[in-house]
Amino acid sequence: MLLLGFASGLPLALSAGSLQAWLTVSGVDIRTIGLFALAGLPYTFKFIWAPLLDRFEPPLAGRRRGWLAISQLALGAACLLMAQLDPAADIELMGVTALAIAFLSASQDVVFDAYRSDLLGERERGAGAAVSVLGYRLAMLVSGGLALILADQWLGWPATYRLMGGLIAAFALVSLFAPPVPSAEGPRAPALRELLGFAAMLAAGLAVWFGLRALPWGALEADRFGRLLVLSVSLLASFAAAIRVARLAGFASFTEPWDHFFSRDRAIALLLLIVLYKLGDAFAGSLSTAFLIRGAGFTQTEVGAVNKVFGLIATLLGALAGGAWLARASLYRALMGFGLLQAVSNLGYWGLAVLPPHPALMAAAVGFENLCGGMGTAAFVALLMALTDRRFSAAQFALLSALAAIGRVYVGPTAGVMVEAIGWPAFFLFSTAAALPGLLLLALLKPTITRLQTENPP
């Protein structure tokens, strides 16, 4: 889990922060650099092709280890291609390559999440989540911070990308020699029907999306919340059309995972829990850097040293502590205990908002909030693993994790408006209260959560 978590986190910065640094020092204009943020779209929509990674099985090493090795080798090749390009002359090709790196990286994430869910037993899920998060975060430091230092001081960006590509490709050996998991069970729809169903689903969703975006929405799109509403309606309509066409076309790999999920007891309430559980944490973290600089009055150096470095260390320690606790305690007790700690930890930011600035206070507040957030993340990932069925673990985990991101998407625009209206102290008190609906729903779902631990053994 540590090594594969590292492999999963390594490509993330190579299509985002590190690539942005390369383009910046190469003199690319800021508008073009901003457009490169669109390369991250595959991470948002990875659930669309995740069912295909459940349905099709490579001939070597099975559908989990095989797809892991394929994605890692392809990522290595894409990084080597990126290293041959010049930002001044090949900017369009660099954009396409960045999109390919993000697509392959998102695909690796899908398969790794599924492999982890298939492999780990009920008592191993918390520890497995914690150790894989540790590997993921360490890899982000390597391909993010360390890559910048290597490129600036010794290697330059092309050689740095070649080094990172070779490192990612080497992890294919780890994937091939990792413990095996059982192959897919039961009958599967014909491959041609599945591929045609996927193409029809994709075409229907895109047609509805572009059709709705072409409509004259007028004054509604002039307002920030109006634009968010239009985008939300367009996305929901596109997804509804895509799902309907997928069902009509017989794309069983997409429809069966959700049919199976909704057949379980209290499925809607479980989906709502996924959205709400880390909502308070998302509110507190959405503007944390802006608050520490503008609201609390700390310098950028103080914020960088404490919020980024110390906060990351606290998150990793929290994830490991959460995994160790989950190995001995029930999933429900861990979710409730860590959820309460997440809510209480937001009060540390409230304290910073009402007290004079002091680096020790910032370190205490940031450290405690990240420690509790790390523990909550370990329990939350264990919950997602418990909710997936081995037959559809790639599709279900990708869909559930995408659903978990909904809160973060809507929190950002709302948080800025709230701070302007009620101020920082009241905002952080609200972020604490925002965690309570999820905890109340969790308490109501205690019997269901308890049954999950024996429902889906490895």
Protein backbone atom coordinates (compact mmCIF):
# COMPACT_ATOMS: atom_id res chain seq x y z
CA MET A 1 0.00 0.00 0.00
CA LEU A 2 2.85 2.40 0.77
CA LEU A 3 4.62 1.82 -2.56
CA LEU A 4 1.46 1.81 -4.67
CA GLY A 5 0.16 4.88 -2.82
CA PHE A 6 3.46 6.58 -3.69
CA ALA A 7 3.06 5.58 -7.35
CA SER A 8 -0.49 6.94 -7.33
CA GLY A 9 0.55 10.34 -5.99
CA LEU A 10 3.67 10.81 -8.09
CA PRO A 11 2.09 11.99 -11.41
CA LEU A 12 -0.29 14.53 -9.85
CA ALA A 13 2.07 17.53 -9.81
CA LEU A 14 3.52 16.65 -13.22
CA SER A 15 0.37 17.90 -14.96
CA ALA A 16 -0.29 20.67 -12.42
CA GLY A 17 2.09 22.57 -10.10
CA SER A 18 5.44 21.39 -11.47
CA LEU A 19 4.31 21.87 -15.07
CA GLN A 20 3.06 25.35 -14.15
CA ALA A 21 6.52 26.18 -12.76
CA TRP A 22 8.19 24.95 -15.97
CA LEU A 23 5.89 27.06 -18.14
CA THR A 24 6.42 30.10 -15.91
CA VAL A 25 10.22 30.06 -16.02
CA SER A 26 10.01 29.45 -19.79
CA GLY A 27 8.20 32.77 -20.24
CA VAL A 28 4.76 31.41 -21.23
CA ASP A 29 2.04 34.07 -20.75
CA ILE A 30 -0.19 33.78 -17.69
CA ARG A 31 -3.40 33.29 -19.69
CA THR A 32 -1.97 30.19 -21.38
CA ILE A 33 -0.68 28.88 -18.06
CA GLY A 34 -4.17 29.34 -16.64
CA LEU A 35 -5.64 27.24 -19.44
CA PHE A 36 -3.37 24.36 -18.42
CA ALA A 37 -5.48 23.99 -15.26
CA LEU A 38 -8.04 22.28 -17.52
CA ALA A 39 -5.63 19.34 -17.74
CA GLY A 40 -6.94 18.33 -14.30
CA LEU A 41 -10.44 17.56 -15.63
CA PRO A 42 -9.84 13.76 -15.86
CA TYR A 43 -9.55 13.61 -12.05
CA THR A 44 -13.09 14.99 -11.79
CA PHE A 45 -14.67 12.73 -14.40
CA LYS A 46 -12.72 9.50 -13.87
CA PHE A 47 -15.91 7.67 -12.89
CA ILE A 48 -17.02 7.82 -16.56
CA TRP A 49 -14.45 5.30 -17.82
CA ALA A 50 -13.89 3.49 -14.50
CA PRO A 51 -16.51 0.79 -15.40
CA LEU A 52 -14.37 -0.23 -18.38
CA LEU A 53 -11.49 -0.98 -16.00
CA ASP A 54 -13.84 -3.32 -14.14
CA ARG A 55 -15.17 -4.96 -17.31
CA PHE A 56 -11.94 -5.58 -19.26
CA GLU A 57 -9.08 -7.66 -17.91
CA PRO A 58 -5.53 -7.44 -19.37
CA PRO A 59 -4.03 -10.86 -20.14
CA LEU A 60 -1.07 -10.24 -17.81
CA ALA A 61 -1.48 -10.18 -14.00
CA GLY A 62 -5.28 -9.72 -13.89
CA ARG A 63 -7.54 -6.69 -14.13
CA ARG A 64 -6.16 -4.83 -11.10
CA ARG A 65 -2.40 -5.44 -11.24
CA GLY A 66 -2.47 -5.52 -15.04
CA TRP A 67 -4.16 -2.12 -15.41
CA LEU A 68 -1.85 -0.67 -12.73
CA ALA A 69 1.24 -1.78 -14.65
CA ILE A 70 -0.16 -0.56 -17.99
CA SER A 71 -1.04 2.88 -16.62
CA GLN A 72 2.39 3.24 -14.95
CA LEU A 73 4.31 2.28 -18.09
CA ALA A 74 2.16 4.64 -20.16
CA LEU A 75 2.73 7.43 -17.63
CA GLY A 76 6.47 6.90 -17.89
CA ALA A 77 6.26 7.16 -21.68
CA ALA A 78 4.11 10.33 -21.48
CA CYS A 79 6.64 11.99 -19.15
CA LEU A 80 9.46 11.08 -21.52
CA LEU A 81 7.48 12.65 -24.38
CA MET A 82 6.91 15.79 -22.29
CA ALA A 83 10.67 16.01 -21.69
CA GLN A 84 11.27 16.25 -25.46
CA LEU A 85 9.00 19.28 -25.86
CA ASP A 86 9.85 22.98 -25.80
CA PRO A 87 7.26 25.31 -24.17
CA ALA A 88 8.10 28.06 -26.66
CA ALA A 89 7.55 25.91 -29.76
CA ASP A 90 5.33 23.01 -28.71
CA ILE A 91 2.82 24.55 -26.31
CA GLU A 92 -0.23 22.86 -27.92
CA LEU A 93 1.44 19.43 -27.83
CA MET A 94 2.45 20.07 -24.23
CA GLY A 95 -1.19 20.72 -23.41
CA VAL A 96 -2.26 17.45 -25.02
CA THR A 97 0.51 15.57 -23.20
CA ALA A 98 -0.45 17.14 -19.86
CA LEU A 99 -4.03 16.00 -20.45
CA ALA A 100 -2.77 12.48 -21.25
CA ILE A 101 -0.68 12.41 -18.05
CA ALA A 102 -3.71 13.49 -16.01
CA PHE A 103 -5.94 10.89 -17.73
CA LEU A 104 -3.47 8.07 -17.09
CA SER A 105 -2.88 9.26 -13.52
CA ALA A 106 -6.63 9.37 -12.81
CA SER A 107 -6.95 5.87 -14.30
CA GLN A 108 -4.14 4.63 -12.04
CA ASP A 109 -5.99 6.14 -9.06
CA VAL A 110 -9.18 4.32 -10.05
CA VAL A 111 -7.43 0.95 -10.28
CA PHE A 112 -5.42 1.47 -7.10
CA ASP A 113 -8.54 2.39 -5.11
CA ALA A 114 -10.26 -0.73 -6.45
CA TYR A 115 -7.23 -2.95 -5.76
CA ARG A 116 -7.00 -1.66 -2.18
CA SER A 117 -10.73 -2.29 -1.64
CA ASP A 118 -10.45 -5.82 -3.07
CA LEU A 119 -7.32 -6.78 -1.16
CA LEU A 120 -7.78 -5.47 2.37
CA GLY A 121 -9.87 -7.14 5.05
CA GLU A 122 -12.19 -5.33 7.44
CA ARG A 123 -9.49 -4.85 10.11
CA GLU A 124 -6.90 -3.83 7.52
CA ARG A 125 -8.85 -1.05 5.79
CA GLY A 126 -7.99 1.76 8.19
CA ALA A 127 -4.29 0.94 8.25
CA GLY A 128 -4.27 0.42 4.47
CA ALA A 129 -5.95 3.78 3.92
CA ALA A 130 -3.49 5.51 6.27
CA VAL A 131 -0.35 3.98 4.75
CA SER A 132 -1.48 4.63 1.17
CA VAL A 133 -2.27 8.27 2.08
CA LEU A 134 1.24 8.51 3.55
CA GLY A 135 2.77 7.21 0.32
CA TYR A 136 0.56 9.52 -1.77
CA ARG A 137 1.56 12.64 0.19
CA LEU A 138 5.26 11.76 0.15
CA ALA A 139 5.07 11.33 -3.63
CA MET A 140 3.46 14.76 -3.97
CA LEU A 141 6.49 16.21 -2.16
CA VAL A 142 8.83 14.39 -4.55
CA SER A 143 7.10 15.41 -7.80
CA GLY A 144 6.21 18.84 -6.41
CA GLY A 145 8.77 20.41 -4.06
CA LEU A 146 11.76 18.14 -4.82
CA ALA A 147 11.17 18.38 -8.58
CA LEU A 148 11.31 22.19 -8.39
CA ILE A 149 14.64 22.05 -6.54
CA LEU A 150 16.12 19.48 -8.95
CA ALA A 151 14.99 21.47 -11.97
CA ASP A 152 16.28 24.77 -10.60
CA GLN A 153 19.60 23.68 -9.12
CA TRP A 154 20.84 20.67 -11.08
CA LEU A 155 18.88 19.02 -13.88
CA GLY A 156 16.60 21.48 -15.64
CA TRP A 157 12.97 20.62 -16.42
CA PRO A 158 13.42 18.15 -19.33
CA ALA A 159 15.82 15.95 -17.35
CA THR A 160 13.58 16.22 -14.26
CA TYR A 161 10.60 14.92 -16.26
CA ARG A 162 12.74 12.08 -17.64
CA LEU A 163 13.73 11.17 -14.07
CA MET A 164 10.13 11.26 -12.87
CA GLY A 165 8.95 9.24 -15.86
CA GLY A 166 11.53 6.54 -15.23
CA LEU A 167 10.57 6.43 -11.54
CA ILE A 168 6.86 6.02 -12.32
CA ALA A 169 7.53 3.29 -14.91
CA ALA A 170 9.67 1.39 -12.39
CA PHE A 171 6.62 0.98 -10.16
CA ALA A 172 5.12 -1.36 -12.77
CA LEU A 173 7.37 -4.03 -11.21
CA VAL A 174 5.78 -3.35 -7.82
CA SER A 175 2.32 -3.74 -9.37
CA LEU A 176 3.17 -6.99 -11.15
CA PHE A 177 4.60 -8.58 -7.99
CA ALA A 178 1.93 -7.23 -5.61
CA PRO A 179 -0.44 -9.75 -3.96
CA PRO A 180 -3.09 -10.97 -6.43
CA VAL A 181 -6.83 -10.46 -5.99
CA PRO A 182 -9.63 -12.60 -7.47
CA SER A 183 -10.75 -11.94 -11.03
CA ALA A 184 -14.20 -10.66 -11.94
CA GLU A 185 -17.09 -12.93 -10.98
CA GLY A 186 -20.21 -13.84 -12.89
CA PRO A 187 -21.32 -13.30 -16.52
CA ARG A 188 -20.31 -10.18 -18.40
CA ALA A 189 -21.95 -8.41 -21.32
CA PRO A 190 -20.29 -8.74 -24.74
CA ALA A 191 -17.29 -6.46 -25.17
CA LEU A 192 -18.61 -4.75 -28.33
CA ARG A 193 -21.92 -3.90 -26.65
CA GLU A 194 -20.05 -2.44 -23.68
CA LEU A 195 -17.84 -0.28 -25.89
CA LEU A 196 -20.76 0.93 -28.01
CA GLY A 197 -22.73 1.63 -24.83
CA PHE A 198 -19.83 3.67 -23.46
CA ALA A 199 -19.57 5.68 -26.70
CA ALA A 200 -23.36 6.29 -26.78
CA MET A 201 -23.38 7.36 -23.12
CA LEU A 202 -20.50 9.78 -23.68
CA ALA A 203 -22.08 11.23 -26.82
CA ALA A 204 -25.45 11.80 -25.11
CA GLY A 205 -23.89 13.50 -22.11
CA LEU A 206 -21.75 15.82 -24.25
CA ALA A 207 -24.67 16.67 -26.56
CA VAL A 208 -26.89 17.74 -23.65
CA TRP A 209 -24.04 19.66 -22.00
CA PHE A 210 -23.10 21.69 -25.08
CA GLY A 211 -26.76 22.16 -25.99
CA LEU A 212 -27.60 23.65 -22.59
CA ARG A 213 -24.45 25.78 -22.51
CA ALA A 214 -25.42 27.28 -25.88
CA LEU A 215 -28.74 28.57 -24.52
CA PRO A 216 -29.00 32.32 -23.74
CA TRP A 217 -29.14 32.27 -19.93
CA GLY A 218 -28.92 36.06 -19.82
CA ALA A 219 -28.73 37.81 -16.44
CA LEU A 220 -28.62 34.52 -14.56
CA GLU A 221 -25.02 33.93 -15.62
CA ALA A 222 -23.99 37.47 -14.69
CA ASP A 223 -24.12 36.55 -11.00
CA ARG A 224 -21.56 34.17 -9.46
CA PHE A 225 -24.20 32.01 -7.79
CA GLY A 226 -26.30 32.14 -10.95
CA ARG A 227 -23.38 30.74 -12.96
CA LEU A 228 -22.94 28.00 -10.37
CA LEU A 229 -26.64 27.17 -10.65
CA VAL A 230 -26.49 27.04 -14.46
CA LEU A 231 -23.42 24.79 -14.38
CA SER A 232 -25.04 22.51 -11.80
CA VAL A 233 -28.26 22.18 -13.82
CA SER A 234 -26.27 21.51 -16.99
CA LEU A 235 -24.16 18.83 -15.28
CA LEU A 236 -27.17 17.11 -13.72
CA ALA A 237 -29.08 17.11 -17.02
CA SER A 238 -26.02 15.76 -18.86
CA PHE A 239 -25.54 12.98 -16.33
CA ALA A 240 -29.25 12.09 -16.43
CA ALA A 241 -29.17 11.85 -20.24
CA ALA A 242 -25.94 9.83 -20.16
CA ILE A 243 -27.29 7.36 -17.62
CA ARG A 244 -30.55 6.93 -19.55
CA VAL A 245 -28.71 6.26 -22.82
CA ALA A 246 -26.28 3.90 -21.06
CA ARG A 247 -29.23 1.86 -19.85
CA LEU A 248 -30.91 1.84 -23.26
CA ALA A 249 -27.65 0.86 -24.98
CA GLY A 250 -26.99 -2.00 -22.57
CA PHE A 251 -23.83 -0.54 -21.01
CA ALA A 252 -24.10 -2.90 -18.06
CA SER A 253 -20.66 -2.11 -16.62
CA PHE A 254 -21.92 1.40 -15.87
CA THR A 255 -25.49 0.67 -14.76
CA GLU A 256 -25.00 -2.53 -12.75
CA PRO A 257 -22.70 -1.02 -10.07
CA TRP A 258 -25.32 1.58 -9.23
CA ASP A 259 -28.23 -0.83 -9.47
CA HIS A 260 -26.38 -3.02 -6.97
CA PHE A 261 -25.56 -0.09 -4.69
CA PHE A 262 -29.15 1.18 -4.61
CA SER A 263 -30.40 -2.29 -3.80
CA ARG A 264 -28.71 -2.10 -0.39
CA ASP A 265 -30.49 -0.89 2.74
CA ARG A 266 -30.62 2.93 3.17
CA ALA A 267 -28.56 3.62 0.04
CA ILE A 268 -29.74 7.26 -0.32
CA ALA A 269 -28.85 8.03 3.29
CA LEU A 270 -25.37 6.52 2.78
CA LEU A 271 -24.80 8.72 -0.27
CA LEU A 272 -25.89 11.76 1.73
CA LEU A 273 -23.46 10.77 4.50
CA ILE A 274 -20.61 10.71 1.97
CA VAL A 275 -21.42 14.31 0.98
CA LEU A 276 -21.91 15.61 4.53
CA TYR A 277 -19.27 13.80 6.61
CA LYS A 278 -16.35 16.13 5.78
CA LEU A 279 -18.41 19.22 4.97
CA GLY A 280 -17.33 21.16 8.07
CA ASP A 281 -13.71 20.25 7.37
CA ALA A 282 -14.13 21.49 3.78
CA PHE A 283 -15.51 24.85 4.98
CA ALA A 284 -12.64 25.41 7.40
CA GLY A 285 -9.99 24.46 4.83
CA SER A 286 -11.44 26.28 1.82
CA LEU A 287 -9.98 29.69 2.76
CA SER A 288 -7.43 28.71 5.39
CA THR A 289 -4.41 30.24 3.63
CA ALA A 290 -6.23 33.48 2.83
CA PHE A 291 -7.44 33.68 6.44
CA LEU A 292 -4.00 33.15 7.96
CA ILE A 293 -2.48 35.91 5.81
CA ARG A 294 -5.30 38.44 5.53
CA GLY A 295 -7.56 37.60 8.47
CA ALA A 296 -5.05 36.62 11.17
CA GLY A 297 -2.15 38.80 9.98
CA PHE A 298 0.65 36.24 9.58
CA THR A 299 3.42 36.62 7.00
CA GLN A 300 3.64 34.40 3.93
CA THR A 301 6.84 32.83 5.32
CA GLU A 302 5.11 31.93 8.60
CA VAL A 303 2.13 30.51 6.74
CA GLY A 304 4.34 28.52 4.37
CA ALA A 305 6.40 27.03 7.18
CA VAL A 306 3.48 26.17 9.45
CA ASN A 307 0.42 25.68 7.26
CA LYS A 308 2.13 23.77 4.46
CA VAL A 309 5.04 21.89 6.06
CA PHE A 310 3.87 21.43 9.65
CA GLY A 311 0.28 20.95 8.47
CA LEU A 312 1.31 18.19 6.06
CA ILE A 313 3.26 16.38 8.79
CA ALA A 314 0.25 16.63 11.12
CA THR A 315 -2.05 15.25 8.40
CA LEU A 316 0.22 12.25 7.86
CA LEU A 317 0.48 11.57 11.60
CA GLY A 318 -3.30 11.86 11.86
CA ALA A 319 -3.83 9.38 9.02
CA LEU A 320 -1.44 6.87 10.60
CA ALA A 321 -3.02 7.31 14.04
CA GLY A 322 -6.46 6.89 12.51
CA GLY A 323 -5.40 3.72 10.73
CA ALA A 324 -3.95 2.27 13.95
CA TRP A 325 -7.18 3.06 15.81
CA LEU A 326 -9.31 1.50 13.07
CA ALA A 327 -7.34 -1.74 13.36
CA ARG A 328 -8.73 -2.14 16.90
CA ALA A 329 -12.02 -0.22 16.93
CA SER A 330 -15.24 -0.50 14.95
CA LEU A 331 -15.71 1.59 11.81
CA TYR A 332 -18.69 3.39 13.34
CA ARG A 333 -16.80 4.39 16.49
CA ALA A 334 -13.87 5.67 14.42
CA LEU A 335 -16.13 7.68 12.10
CA MET A 336 -18.01 9.23 15.02
CA GLY A 337 -14.94 9.94 17.17
CA PHE A 338 -12.86 11.39 14.35
CA GLY A 339 -15.87 13.33 13.03
CA LEU A 340 -16.34 14.99 16.40
CA LEU A 341 -12.64 15.83 16.55
CA GLN A 342 -12.81 17.33 13.04
CA ALA A 343 -15.67 19.58 14.14
CA VAL A 344 -13.95 20.69 17.37
CA SER A 345 -10.64 21.35 15.58
CA ASN A 346 -12.27 24.14 13.55
CA LEU A 347 -12.56 26.14 16.77
CA GLY A 348 -8.78 26.57 16.65
CA TYR A 349 -9.21 28.86 13.64
CA TRP A 350 -11.95 30.71 15.50
CA GLY A 351 -9.41 31.29 18.28
CA LEU A 352 -6.92 32.69 15.77
CA ALA A 353 -9.62 35.02 14.45
CA VAL A 354 -10.35 36.58 17.87
CA LEU A 355 -6.87 36.53 19.48
CA PRO A 356 -3.73 38.54 18.62
CA PRO A 357 -1.51 36.75 16.07
CA HIS A 358 1.21 34.51 17.49
CA PRO A 359 3.12 31.79 15.57
CA ALA A 360 2.70 29.28 18.43
CA LEU A 361 -1.08 29.71 18.33
CA MET A 362 -1.08 29.22 14.57
CA ALA A 363 1.04 26.08 14.88
CA ALA A 364 -1.30 24.66 17.53
CA ALA A 365 -4.47 25.44 15.55
CA VAL A 366 -3.13 24.25 12.18
CA GLY A 367 -1.50 21.16 13.69
CA PHE A 368 -4.63 20.08 15.57
CA GLU A 369 -6.93 20.72 12.61
CA ASN A 370 -4.72 18.77 10.19
CA LEU A 371 -4.18 15.96 12.70
CA CYS A 372 -7.93 15.50 13.15
CA GLY A 373 -8.53 15.88 9.41
CA GLY A 374 -6.00 13.13 8.72
CA MET A 375 -7.73 10.78 11.16
CA GLY A 376 -11.10 11.58 9.62
CA THR A 377 -9.71 10.91 6.13
CA ALA A 378 -8.44 7.46 7.15
CA ALA A 379 -11.87 6.53 8.53
CA PHE A 380 -13.66 8.03 5.52
CA VAL A 381 -11.57 6.08 3.00
CA ALA A 382 -12.22 2.93 5.05
CA LEU A 383 -15.96 3.68 4.79
CA LEU A 384 -15.75 4.03 1.00
CA MET A 385 -13.87 0.72 0.78
CA ALA A 386 -16.51 -0.96 2.93
CA LEU A 387 -19.27 0.35 0.63
CA THR A 388 -17.80 -1.11 -2.55
CA ASP A 389 -18.53 -4.54 -3.98
CA ARG A 390 -15.53 -6.44 -5.38
CA ARG A 391 -17.31 -7.05 -8.71
CA PHE A 392 -17.62 -3.29 -9.32
CA SER A 393 -15.02 -1.79 -6.97
CA ALA A 394 -13.36 0.44 -9.60
CA ALA A 395 -16.66 1.94 -10.78
CA GLN A 396 -18.22 2.25 -7.32
CA PHE A 397 -15.17 3.75 -5.59
CA ALA A 398 -14.67 6.26 -8.41
CA LEU A 399 -18.31 7.32 -8.27
CA LEU A 400 -18.39 7.53 -4.46
CA SER A 401 -15.17 9.55 -4.30
CA ALA A 402 -16.53 11.92 -6.98
CA LEU A 403 -19.66 12.34 -4.87
CA ALA A 404 -17.51 13.11 -1.83
CA ALA A 405 -15.97 16.03 -3.77
CA ILE A 406 -19.34 17.75 -4.25
CA GLY A 407 -19.07 19.49 -0.89
CA ARG A 408 -15.66 20.95 -1.75
CA VAL A 409 -16.95 22.21 -5.11
CA TYR A 410 -19.85 24.15 -3.60
CA VAL A 411 -18.04 25.28 -0.45
CA GLY A 412 -15.53 27.51 -2.29
CA PRO A 413 -17.96 30.06 -3.79
CA THR A 414 -20.14 30.04 -0.67
CA ALA A 415 -17.29 30.52 1.80
CA GLY A 416 -16.03 33.80 0.32
CA VAL A 417 -19.49 35.35 0.34
CA MET A 418 -20.08 34.23 3.94
CA VAL A 419 -16.81 35.71 5.18
CA GLU A 420 -17.70 39.07 3.62
CA ALA A 421 -21.16 38.94 5.22
CA ILE A 422 -20.46 37.64 8.75
CA GLY A 423 -16.68 37.91 9.28
CA TRP A 424 -14.02 35.31 10.09
CA PRO A 425 -15.01 34.41 13.70
CA ALA A 426 -18.64 33.67 12.82
CA PHE A 427 -17.54 31.81 9.69
CA PHE A 428 -15.41 29.35 11.67
CA LEU A 429 -18.19 28.85 14.20
CA PHE A 430 -20.45 28.03 11.25
CA SER A 431 -17.86 25.57 9.90
CA THR A 432 -18.03 23.74 13.23
CA ALA A 433 -21.83 23.64 13.06
CA ALA A 434 -21.67 22.44 9.43
CA ALA A 435 -20.13 19.17 10.64
CA LEU A 436 -23.12 18.35 12.86
CA PRO A 437 -25.67 17.21 10.21
CA GLY A 438 -23.22 14.57 8.98
CA LEU A 439 -22.60 13.32 12.52
CA LEU A 440 -26.34 13.18 13.24
CA LEU A 441 -26.92 11.18 10.06
CA LEU A 442 -24.03 8.90 11.02
CA ALA A 443 -25.69 8.21 14.39
CA LEU A 444 -28.94 7.31 12.61
CA LEU A 445 -27.04 4.95 10.31
CA LYS A 446 -25.17 3.14 13.09
CA PRO A 447 -26.80 -0.30 12.44
CA THR A 448 -26.09 0.00 8.69
CA ILE A 449 -22.46 1.05 9.22
CA THR A 450 -21.94 -1.79 11.69
CA ARG A 451 -23.21 -4.34 9.15
CA LEU A 452 -20.76 -3.05 6.51
CA GLN A 453 -17.80 -4.54 8.36
CA THR A 454 -18.96 -8.09 7.70
CA GLU A 455 -20.87 -7.51 4.46
CA ASN A 456 -17.96 -7.30 2.00
CA PRO A 457 -15.00 -9.47 3.11
CA PRO A 458 -11.91 -9.72 0.84
